[in-house]
C-alpha atoms as a PDB file:
ATOM      1  CA  MET A   1      -1.340 -16.926   4.307  1.00  0.00           C
ATOM      2  CA  LEU A   2       2.435 -16.512   4.665  1.00  0.00           C
ATOM      3  CA  ASN A   3       1.959 -12.841   5.507  1.00  0.00           C
ATOM      4  CA  VAL A   4      -0.471 -13.767   8.301  1.00  0.00           C
ATOM      5  CA  VAL A   5       2.054 -16.255   9.696  1.00  0.00           C
ATOM      6  CA  ILE A   6       4.719 -13.518   9.641  1.00  0.00           C
ATOM      7  CA  VAL A   7       2.423 -11.143  11.559  1.00  0.00           C
ATOM      8  CA  VAL A   8       1.843 -13.734  14.279  1.00  0.00           C
ATOM      9  CA  ALA A   9       5.538 -14.693  14.507  1.00  0.00           C
ATOM     10  CA  GLN A  10       6.712 -11.064  14.675  1.00  0.00           C
ATOM     11  CA  THR A  11       4.138 -10.206  17.337  1.00  0.00           C
ATOM     12  CA  VAL A  12       5.078 -13.168  19.540  1.00  0.00           C
ATOM     13  CA  TYR A  13       8.820 -12.716  19.210  1.00  0.00           C
ATOM     14  CA  GLY A  14       8.517  -8.936  19.428  1.00  0.00           C
ATOM     15  CA  VAL A  15       7.052  -9.361  22.909  1.00  0.00           C
ATOM     16  CA  ILE A  16       9.620 -12.001  23.875  1.00  0.00           C
ATOM     17  CA  ALA A  17      12.593  -9.992  22.548  1.00  0.00           C
ATOM     18  CA  HIS A  18      11.280  -6.611  23.817  1.00  0.00           C
ATOM     19  CA  SER A  19      11.722  -5.237  20.292  1.00  0.00           C
ATOM     20  CA  THR A  20       9.721  -2.159  19.335  1.00  0.00           C
ATOM     21  CA  ALA A  21      10.898  -2.442  15.753  1.00  0.00           C
ATOM     22  CA  LEU A  22       9.706  -6.057  15.493  1.00  0.00           C
ATOM     23  CA  LEU A  23       6.296  -5.211  16.965  1.00  0.00           C
ATOM     24  CA  ALA A  24       6.036  -2.207  14.653  1.00  0.00           C
ATOM     25  CA  ASP A  25       6.913  -4.431  11.714  1.00  0.00           C
ATOM     26  CA  ALA A  26       4.155  -6.826  12.782  1.00  0.00           C
ATOM     27  CA  GLY A  27       1.639  -3.979  12.853  1.00  0.00           C
ATOM     28  CA  HIS A  28       2.855  -2.802   9.486  1.00  0.00           C
ATOM     29  CA  ASN A  29       2.465  -6.294   8.044  1.00  0.00           C
ATOM     30  CA  LEU A  30      -1.042  -6.533   9.481  1.00  0.00           C
ATOM     31  CA  SER A  31      -2.024  -3.319   7.710  1.00  0.00           C
ATOM     32  CA  ASP A  32      -0.687  -4.826   4.492  1.00  0.00           C
ATOM     33  CA  VAL A  33      -2.748  -7.981   4.913  1.00  0.00           C
ATOM     34  CA  LEU A  34      -5.820  -5.796   5.231  1.00  0.00           C
ATOM     35  CA  GLY A  35      -4.628  -3.757   2.246  1.00  0.00           C
ATOM     36  CA  LEU A  36      -4.259  -6.886   0.129  1.00  0.00           C
ATOM     37  CA  LEU A  37      -7.787  -7.937   1.026  1.00  0.00           C
ATOM     38  CA  LEU A  38      -9.003  -4.517  -0.131  1.00  0.00           C
ATOM     39  CA  ALA A  39      -7.044  -4.810  -3.374  1.00  0.00           C
ATOM     40  CA  TRP A  40      -8.397  -8.278  -4.146  1.00  0.00           C
ATOM     41  CA  GLY A  41     -11.929  -7.183  -3.280  1.00  0.00           C
ATOM     42  CA  ALA A  42     -11.629  -4.207  -5.628  1.00  0.00           C
ATOM     43  CA  ALA A  43     -10.237  -6.417  -8.415  1.00  0.00           C
ATOM     44  CA  TRP A  44     -13.229  -8.738  -8.024  1.00  0.00           C
ATOM     45  CA  LEU A  45     -15.708  -5.858  -8.039  1.00  0.00           C
ATOM     46  CA  ALA A  46     -14.099  -4.480 -11.204  1.00  0.00           C
ATOM     47  CA  THR A  47     -15.078  -7.679 -13.058  1.00  0.00           C
ATOM     48  CA  ARG A  48     -18.765  -7.251 -12.277  1.00  0.00           C
ATOM     49  CA  ARG A  49     -21.006  -5.957 -15.028  1.00  0.00           C
ATOM     50  CA  PRO A  50     -22.654  -2.508 -14.826  1.00  0.00           C
ATOM     51  CA  SER A  51     -26.149  -2.358 -13.372  1.00  0.00           C
ATOM     52  CA  THR A  52     -29.079   0.034 -13.590  1.00  0.00           C
ATOM     53  CA  ARG A  53     -27.793   1.767 -10.450  1.00  0.00           C
ATOM     54  CA  TYR A  54     -24.031   1.526 -11.114  1.00  0.00           C
ATOM     55  CA  THR A  55     -24.066   2.264 -14.818  1.00  0.00           C
ATOM     56  CA  PHE A  56     -20.268   2.642 -15.025  1.00  0.00           C
ATOM     57  CA  GLY A  57     -19.694  -0.657 -13.255  1.00  0.00           C
ATOM     58  CA  PHE A  58     -17.503  -1.040 -10.183  1.00  0.00           C
ATOM     59  CA  GLY A  59     -14.089  -0.209 -11.609  1.00  0.00           C
ATOM     60  CA  SER A  60     -13.784   2.875  -9.408  1.00  0.00           C
ATOM     61  CA  SER A  61     -13.596   0.573  -6.376  1.00  0.00           C
ATOM     62  CA  SER A  62      -9.941   0.074  -7.323  1.00  0.00           C
ATOM     63  CA  ILE A  63      -9.415   3.828  -6.781  1.00  0.00           C
ATOM     64  CA  LEU A  64     -10.990   3.592  -3.332  1.00  0.00           C
ATOM     65  CA  ALA A  65      -8.810   0.570  -2.545  1.00  0.00           C
ATOM     66  CA  ALA A  66      -5.661   2.464  -3.539  1.00  0.00           C
ATOM     67  CA  LEU A  67      -6.736   5.388  -1.339  1.00  0.00           C
ATOM     68  CA  ALA A  68      -7.448   3.064   1.583  1.00  0.00           C
ATOM     69  CA  ASN A  69      -4.097   1.321   1.121  1.00  0.00           C
ATOM     70  CA  ALA A  70      -2.219   4.618   1.297  1.00  0.00           C
ATOM     71  CA  ALA A  71      -4.195   5.726   4.358  1.00  0.00           C
ATOM     72  CA  LEU A  72      -3.577   2.413   6.146  1.00  0.00           C
ATOM     73  CA  LEU A  73       0.133   2.646   5.490  1.00  0.00           C
ATOM     74  CA  LEU A  74       0.351   6.185   6.847  1.00  0.00           C
ATOM     75  CA  VAL A  75      -1.603   5.185   9.969  1.00  0.00           C
ATOM     76  CA  ALA A  76       0.791   2.280  10.497  1.00  0.00           C
ATOM     77  CA  CYS A  77       3.716   4.696  10.160  1.00  0.00           C
ATOM     78  CA  GLY A  78       2.209   6.933  12.822  1.00  0.00           C
ATOM     79  CA  ALA A  79       1.931   4.001  15.223  1.00  0.00           C
ATOM     80  CA  ILE A  80       5.529   2.966  14.534  1.00  0.00           C
ATOM     81  CA  LEU A  81       6.811   6.508  15.101  1.00  0.00           C
ATOM     82  CA  ALA A  82       4.936   6.957  18.387  1.00  0.00           C
ATOM     83  CA  GLU A  83       6.205   3.650  19.780  1.00  0.00           C
ATOM     84  CA  ALA A  84       9.773   4.297  18.640  1.00  0.00           C
ATOM     85  CA  ILE A  85       9.893   7.707  20.319  1.00  0.00           C
ATOM     86  CA  GLY A  86       8.614   6.131  23.525  1.00  0.00           C
ATOM     87  CA  ARG A  87      11.366   3.507  23.437  1.00  0.00           C
ATOM     88  CA  LEU A  88      14.014   6.156  22.831  1.00  0.00           C
ATOM     89  CA  ILE A  89      12.862   7.980  25.941  1.00  0.00           C
ATOM     90  CA  TYR A  90      12.502   4.788  27.998  1.00  0.00           C
ATOM     91  CA  PRO A  91      14.973   2.263  26.522  1.00  0.00           C
ATOM     92  CA  ALA A  92      14.678  -1.461  27.229  1.00  0.00           C
ATOM     93  CA  PRO A  93      17.048  -4.379  26.524  1.00  0.00           C
ATOM     94  CA  VAL A  94      16.453  -6.074  23.161  1.00  0.00           C
ATOM     95  CA  ALA A  95      17.244  -9.687  22.173  1.00  0.00           C
ATOM     96  CA  GLY A  96      19.217  -8.990  19.010  1.00  0.00           C
ATOM     97  CA  LEU A  97      19.428 -12.578  17.720  1.00  0.00           C
ATOM     98  CA  ASP A  98      15.670 -13.156  17.877  1.00  0.00           C
ATOM     99  CA  VAL A  99      15.072  -9.846  16.142  1.00  0.00           C
ATOM    100  CA  PHE A 100      17.511 -10.688  13.348  1.00  0.00           C
ATOM    101  CA  VAL A 101      16.116 -14.176  12.651  1.00  0.00           C
ATOM    102  CA  VAL A 102      12.425 -13.242  12.642  1.00  0.00           C
ATOM    103  CA  ALA A 103      12.967  -9.994  10.706  1.00  0.00           C
ATOM    104  CA  THR A 104      15.010 -11.807   8.063  1.00  0.00           C
ATOM    105  CA  LEU A 105      12.179 -14.301   7.606  1.00  0.00           C
ATOM    106  CA  GLY A 106       9.752 -11.405   7.209  1.00  0.00           C
ATOM    107  CA  MET A 107      12.035  -9.754   4.664  1.00  0.00           C
ATOM    108  CA  VAL A 108      12.105 -12.900   2.509  1.00  0.00           C
ATOM    109  CA  VAL A 109       8.328 -13.408   2.577  1.00  0.00           C
ATOM    110  CA  ASN A 110       7.509  -9.745   1.904  1.00  0.00           C
ATOM    111  CA  GLY A 111      10.157  -9.511  -0.801  1.00  0.00           C
ATOM    112  CA  PHE A 112       8.615 -12.493  -2.580  1.00  0.00           C
ATOM    113  CA  SER A 113       5.131 -10.943  -2.308  1.00  0.00           C
ATOM    114  CA  ALA A 114       6.409  -7.646  -3.726  1.00  0.00           C
ATOM    115  CA  TRP A 115       8.010  -9.507  -6.641  1.00  0.00           C
ATOM    116  CA  LEU A 116       4.636 -11.076  -7.466  1.00  0.00           C
ATOM    117  CA  PHE A 117       3.069  -7.600  -7.769  1.00  0.00           C
ATOM    118  CA  MET A 118       5.993  -5.965  -9.574  1.00  0.00           C
ATOM    119  CA  ARG A 119       4.872  -6.768 -13.101  1.00  0.00           C
ATOM    120  CA  GLY A 120       1.457  -5.082 -12.934  1.00  0.00           C
ATOM    121  CA  GLN A 121       2.270  -2.129 -10.677  1.00  0.00           C
ATOM    122  CA  LYS A 122       3.213   0.276 -13.511  1.00  0.00           C
ATOM    123  CA  ASP A 123      -0.210   0.203 -15.206  1.00  0.00           C
ATOM    124  CA  ASP A 124      -2.594  -0.162 -12.260  1.00  0.00           C
ATOM    125  CA  LEU A 125      -2.647   2.230  -9.310  1.00  0.00           C
ATOM    126  CA  ASN A 126      -4.382  -0.389  -7.188  1.00  0.00           C
ATOM    127  CA  ILE A 127      -1.676  -2.985  -7.898  1.00  0.00           C
ATOM    128  CA  ARG A 128       0.961  -0.305  -7.313  1.00  0.00           C
ATOM    129  CA  GLY A 129      -0.529   0.274  -3.883  1.00  0.00           C
ATOM    130  CA  ALA A 130      -0.216  -3.415  -3.049  1.00  0.00           C
ATOM    131  CA  PHE A 131       3.322  -3.511  -4.470  1.00  0.00           C
ATOM    132  CA  LEU A 132       4.368  -0.511  -2.374  1.00  0.00           C
ATOM    133  CA  HIS A 133       2.936  -2.176   0.706  1.00  0.00           C
ATOM    134  CA  MET A 134       4.933  -5.351   0.144  1.00  0.00           C
ATOM    135  CA  ALA A 135       8.115  -3.540  -0.860  1.00  0.00           C
ATOM    136  CA  ALA A 136       7.852  -1.268   2.176  1.00  0.00           C
ATOM    137  CA  ASP A 137       7.371  -4.284   4.413  1.00  0.00           C
ATOM    138  CA  ALA A 138      10.459  -5.957   2.951  1.00  0.00           C
ATOM    139  CA  GLY A 139      12.433  -2.768   3.574  1.00  0.00           C
ATOM    140  CA  VAL A 140      11.167  -2.490   7.137  1.00  0.00           C
ATOM    141  CA  SER A 141      12.051  -6.107   7.854  1.00  0.00           C
ATOM    142  CA  ALA A 142      15.533  -5.656   6.367  1.00  0.00           C
ATOM    143  CA  ALA A 143      16.155  -2.591   8.527  1.00  0.00           C
ATOM    144  CA  VAL A 144      14.930  -4.420  11.613  1.00  0.00           C
ATOM    145  CA  ALA A 145      17.215  -7.359  10.813  1.00  0.00           C
ATOM    146  CA  VAL A 146      20.202  -5.020  10.528  1.00  0.00           C
ATOM    147  CA  SER A 147      19.320  -3.391  13.841  1.00  0.00           C
ATOM    148  CA  GLY A 148      19.199  -6.857  15.403  1.00  0.00           C
ATOM    149  CA  LEU A 149      22.742  -7.555  14.227  1.00  0.00           C
ATOM    150  CA  VAL A 150      23.980  -4.206  15.547  1.00  0.00           C
ATOM    151  CA  ILE A 151      22.341  -4.794  18.931  1.00  0.00           C
ATOM    152  CA  LEU A 152      23.788  -8.314  19.037  1.00  0.00           C
ATOM    153  CA  ALA A 153      27.291  -6.968  18.384  1.00  0.00           C
ATOM    154  CA  THR A 154      27.230  -3.809  20.499  1.00  0.00           C
ATOM    155  CA  GLY A 155      24.373  -4.064  22.986  1.00  0.00           C
ATOM    156  CA  TRP A 156      23.047  -0.658  21.863  1.00  0.00           C
ATOM    157  CA  SER A 157      19.298  -1.087  22.438  1.00  0.00           C
ATOM    158  CA  TRP A 158      18.555   2.437  21.175  1.00  0.00           C
ATOM    159  CA  VAL A 159      19.357   1.245  17.642  1.00  0.00           C
ATOM    160  CA  ASP A 160      16.029  -0.633  17.571  1.00  0.00           C
ATOM    161  CA  PRO A 161      13.701   2.414  17.867  1.00  0.00           C
ATOM    162  CA  ALA A 162      16.110   4.641  15.929  1.00  0.00           C
ATOM    163  CA  MET A 163      15.975   2.285  12.954  1.00  0.00           C
ATOM    164  CA  SER A 164      12.185   2.287  13.164  1.00  0.00           C
ATOM    165  CA  ILE A 165      12.098   6.080  12.786  1.00  0.00           C
ATOM    166  CA  VAL A 166      14.397   5.985   9.748  1.00  0.00           C
ATOM    167  CA  VAL A 167      12.208   3.369   8.065  1.00  0.00           C
ATOM    168  CA  VAL A 168       9.047   5.386   8.773  1.00  0.00           C
ATOM    169  CA  LEU A 169      10.496   8.394   6.949  1.00  0.00           C
ATOM    170  CA  VAL A 170      11.363   6.243   3.936  1.00  0.00           C
ATOM    171  CA  ILE A 171       7.885   4.686   3.834  1.00  0.00           C
ATOM    172  CA  VAL A 172       6.087   8.046   4.124  1.00  0.00           C
ATOM    173  CA  ARG A 173       8.129   9.463   1.255  1.00  0.00           C
ATOM    174  CA  GLY A 174       7.219   6.517  -0.975  1.00  0.00           C
ATOM    175  CA  THR A 175       3.550   6.509   0.008  1.00  0.00           C
ATOM    176  CA  TRP A 176       2.819  10.214  -0.405  1.00  0.00           C
ATOM    177  CA  GLY A 177       2.704  10.011  -4.206  1.00  0.00           C
ATOM    178  CA  LEU A 178       0.262   7.095  -4.074  1.00  0.00           C
ATOM    179  CA  LEU A 179      -2.003   8.978  -1.652  1.00  0.00           C
ATOM    180  CA  ARG A 180      -1.918  12.162  -3.741  1.00  0.00           C
ATOM    181  CA  GLU A 181      -2.701  10.369  -7.005  1.00  0.00           C
ATOM    182  CA  SER A 182      -5.489   8.229  -5.549  1.00  0.00           C
ATOM    183  CA  VAL A 183      -7.124  11.334  -4.006  1.00  0.00           C
ATOM    184  CA  ARG A 184      -6.968  13.069  -7.379  1.00  0.00           C
ATOM    185  CA  LEU A 185      -8.615  10.117  -9.113  1.00  0.00           C
ATOM    186  CA  ALA A 186     -11.284   9.919  -6.411  1.00  0.00           C
ATOM    187  CA  LEU A 187     -12.063  13.595  -7.139  1.00  0.00           C
ATOM    188  CA  ALA A 188     -12.401  12.831 -10.887  1.00  0.00           C
ATOM    189  CA  ALA A 189      -9.240  14.754 -11.803  1.00  0.00           C
ATOM    190  CA  VAL A 190      -7.595  14.193 -15.179  1.00  0.00           C
ATOM    191  CA  PRO A 191      -5.499  11.035 -14.650  1.00  0.00           C
ATOM    192  CA  GLU A 192      -1.726  11.279 -14.442  1.00  0.00           C
ATOM    193  CA  GLY A 193      -0.092  11.059 -17.858  1.00  0.00           C
ATOM    194  CA  VAL A 194      -3.157  12.261 -19.789  1.00  0.00           C
ATOM    195  CA  ASP A 195      -2.664  15.535 -21.686  1.00  0.00           C
ATOM    196  CA  ILE A 196      -6.165  16.922 -22.070  1.00  0.00           C
ATOM    197  CA  GLU A 197      -4.981  19.774 -24.307  1.00  0.00           C
ATOM    198  CA  ARG A 198      -3.502  17.275 -26.774  1.00  0.00           C
ATOM    199  CA  ILE A 199      -6.866  15.513 -26.818  1.00  0.00           C
ATOM    200  CA  ARG A 200      -8.624  18.827 -27.446  1.00  0.00           C
ATOM    201  CA  VAL A 201      -6.302  19.598 -30.372  1.00  0.00           C
ATOM    202  CA  PHE A 202      -6.797  16.096 -31.773  1.00  0.00           C
ATOM    203  CA  LEU A 203     -10.575  16.415 -31.697  1.00  0.00           C
ATOM    204  CA  ALA A 204     -10.471  19.927 -33.201  1.00  0.00           C
ATOM    205  CA  GLN A 205      -8.424  18.592 -36.121  1.00  0.00           C
ATOM    206  CA  GLN A 206     -11.058  16.028 -37.126  1.00  0.00           C
ATOM    207  CA  GLN A 207     -12.798  16.619 -40.428  1.00  0.00           C
ATOM    208  CA  GLY A 208     -15.850  18.861 -40.086  1.00  0.00           C
ATOM    209  CA  VAL A 209     -15.107  19.938 -36.496  1.00  0.00           C
ATOM    210  CA  THR A 210     -14.954  23.712 -35.931  1.00  0.00           C
ATOM    211  CA  ASP A 211     -14.941  23.754 -32.132  1.00  0.00           C
ATOM    212  CA  VAL A 212     -14.646  21.462 -29.115  1.00  0.00           C
ATOM    213  CA  HIS A 213     -16.275  22.207 -25.768  1.00  0.00           C
ATOM    214  CA  ASP A 214     -17.502  20.453 -22.615  1.00  0.00           C
ATOM    215  CA  LEU A 215     -14.420  18.224 -22.749  1.00  0.00           C
ATOM    216  CA  HIS A 216     -14.075  16.095 -19.629  1.00  0.00           C
ATOM    217  CA  VAL A 217     -11.647  13.262 -18.836  1.00  0.00           C
ATOM    218  CA  TRP A 218     -11.762  11.210 -15.648  1.00  0.00           C
ATOM    219  CA  ALA A 219     -10.780   7.778 -14.364  1.00  0.00           C
ATOM    220  CA  LEU A 220     -13.284   4.941 -14.361  1.00  0.00           C
ATOM    221  CA  SER A 221     -10.762   2.794 -12.515  1.00  0.00           C
ATOM    222  CA  THR A 222      -7.025   2.669 -11.891  1.00  0.00           C
ATOM    223  CA  THR A 223      -6.557   1.250 -15.405  1.00  0.00           C
ATOM    224  CA  GLY A 224      -9.323   2.764 -17.556  1.00  0.00           C
ATOM    225  CA  ASN A 225     -10.267   6.362 -18.385  1.00  0.00           C
ATOM    226  CA  ALA A 226     -13.452   7.954 -19.706  1.00  0.00           C
ATOM    227  CA  LEU A 227     -14.025  10.986 -21.938  1.00  0.00           C
ATOM    228  CA  SER A 228     -17.004  13.082 -22.934  1.00  0.00           C
ATOM    229  CA  ALA A 229     -17.041  16.045 -25.308  1.00  0.00           C
ATOM    230  CA  HIS A 230     -19.204  18.160 -27.595  1.00  0.00           C
ATOM    231  CA  LEU A 231     -18.006  18.500 -31.200  1.00  0.00           C
ATOM    232  CA  VAL A 232     -19.336  21.486 -33.141  1.00  0.00           C
ATOM    233  CA  MET A 233     -19.881  20.276 -36.717  1.00  0.00           C
ATOM    234  CA  PRO A 234     -21.903  22.789 -38.815  1.00  0.00           C
ATOM    235  CA  GLY A 235     -22.084  20.287 -41.674  1.00  0.00           C
ATOM    236  CA  GLY A 236     -24.122  17.924 -39.554  1.00  0.00           C
ATOM    237  CA  HIS A 237     -23.592  14.454 -38.160  1.00  0.00           C
ATOM    238  CA  PRO A 238     -20.685  12.791 -40.025  1.00  0.00           C
ATOM    239  CA  GLY A 239     -22.118   9.290 -39.686  1.00  0.00           C
ATOM    240  CA  ASP A 240     -21.525   6.467 -37.233  1.00  0.00           C
ATOM    241  CA  ALA A 241     -18.442   5.204 -39.053  1.00  0.00           C
ATOM    242  CA  ALA A 242     -16.670   8.557 -38.697  1.00  0.00           C
ATOM    243  CA  LEU A 243     -17.473   8.790 -34.978  1.00  0.00           C
ATOM    244  CA  ASP A 244     -16.416   5.167 -34.464  1.00  0.00           C
ATOM    245  CA  ALA A 245     -13.064   6.008 -36.043  1.00  0.00           C
ATOM    246  CA  ILE A 246     -12.610   8.946 -33.645  1.00  0.00           C
ATOM    247  CA  VAL A 247     -13.519   6.761 -30.659  1.00  0.00           C
ATOM    248  CA  SER A 248     -11.079   4.074 -31.786  1.00  0.00           C
ATOM    249  CA  ALA A 249      -8.314   6.652 -32.226  1.00  0.00           C
ATOM    250  CA  LEU A 250      -8.963   8.082 -28.759  1.00  0.00           C
ATOM    251  CA  ASP A 251      -8.561   4.608 -27.291  1.00  0.00           C
ATOM    252  CA  GLY A 252      -5.426   3.806 -29.264  1.00  0.00           C
ATOM    253  CA  ARG A 253      -3.652   7.153 -28.804  1.00  0.00           C
ATOM    254  CA  PHE A 254      -4.907   8.293 -25.400  1.00  0.00           C
ATOM    255  CA  ARG A 255      -6.199   5.105 -23.716  1.00  0.00           C
ATOM    256  CA  MET A 256      -9.768   6.364 -23.427  1.00  0.00           C
ATOM    257  CA  LYS A 257     -11.819   3.219 -22.727  1.00  0.00           C
ATOM    258  CA  HIS A 258     -15.249   4.860 -22.578  1.00  0.00           C
ATOM    259  CA  VAL A 259     -15.980   7.764 -24.941  1.00  0.00           C
ATOM    260  CA  THR A 260     -19.161   9.814 -25.322  1.00  0.00           C
ATOM    261  CA  LEU A 261     -19.275  12.366 -28.156  1.00  0.00           C
ATOM    262  CA  GLN A 262     -22.130  14.780 -28.829  1.00  0.00           C
ATOM    263  CA  VAL A 263     -22.384  16.486 -32.208  1.00  0.00           C
ATOM    264  CA  ASP A 264     -23.587  20.112 -32.154  1.00  0.00           C
ATOM    265  CA  LEU A 265     -24.462  22.140 -35.261  1.00  0.00           C
ATOM    266  CA  GLY A 266     -23.305  25.403 -33.680  1.00  0.00           C
ATOM    267  CA  THR A 267     -26.638  27.144 -34.239  1.00  0.00           C
ATOM    268  CA  SER A 268     -26.967  28.058 -30.557  1.00  0.00           C
ATOM    269  CA  ALA A 269     -24.619  28.901 -27.713  1.00  0.00           C
ATOM    270  CA  HIS A 270     -23.687  25.913 -25.573  1.00  0.00           C
ATOM    271  CA  ARG A 271     -22.123  26.485 -22.191  1.00  0.00           C
ATOM    272  CA  CYS A 272     -21.060  23.800 -19.721  1.00  0.00           C
ATOM    273  CA  SER A 273     -22.372  24.459 -16.196  1.00  0.00           C
ATOM    274  CA  LEU A 274     -18.854  23.728 -14.916  1.00  0.00           C
ATOM    275  CA  ASP A 275     -17.093  26.258 -17.140  1.00  0.00           C
ATOM    276  CA  GLY A 276     -16.915  28.897 -14.405  1.00  0.00           C
ATOM    277  CA  ALA A 277     -15.325  26.455 -11.940  1.00  0.00           C
ATOM    278  CA  GLN A 278     -12.886  25.277 -14.610  1.00  0.00           C
ATOM    279  CA  HIS A 279     -11.738  28.808 -15.380  1.00  0.00           C
ATOM    280  CA  ILE A 280     -11.253  29.568 -11.689  1.00  0.00           C
ATOM    281  CA  HIS A 281      -9.347  26.394 -10.818  1.00  0.00           C
ATOM    282  CA  ARG A 282      -7.540  25.670 -14.080  1.00  0.00           C
END
């Protein structure tokens, strides 16, 4: 609710003060409000149980939310940049005091929101997206507040759009990693921080295993990963207890939350239909 109030206040005073930076900050904050709604919606969907149609549940909605958050932020940056360039070409007087007061208020509110997300942003890409949104907003508001002070002291109206451009570059740099990682997860890439070769070696070292193939690791959500693999065990199925121990170890050592293991005797040649693509794009 506070973020919505900030959007309204920055829009109104941006028009009154003729501040491009304040209006851009309002647009940026609006994109974050929408981003937060996406994040909360994804978190709610992730709690729903799997169904006959969505057998993995709805955890992957958090990946889509992170991707949407990054895209929204980059779109907002494009709008800020276009408006700032226009104001540099056609400068207009800016009410520095109004800009400073309203931007400072926005900085406080966004900084508090970012602090609320800080704790969970390291382990959840979706929460990290929301944290980056709030932190970026706090940074934008701080920069706008500084530009208001400079304009108030010097009368240099060009500082307003110039500061907007600087902030855009900072935001894009911080958002690019989020966009890249969320796209990778959406394409079922091996999640960041997961060493699939270490997993392959671990499985190959299990008692009775002579080969490992069809090994796949992908993200079920921004916090949980899945794994499937074929274990060649000429001695036959080792028993449920042995497989349960392997599954438990995969969760404890590699954070694999959903594991599917198939035991092969090795009496025939097994080839994954994706092997050719894997060799080409490894």
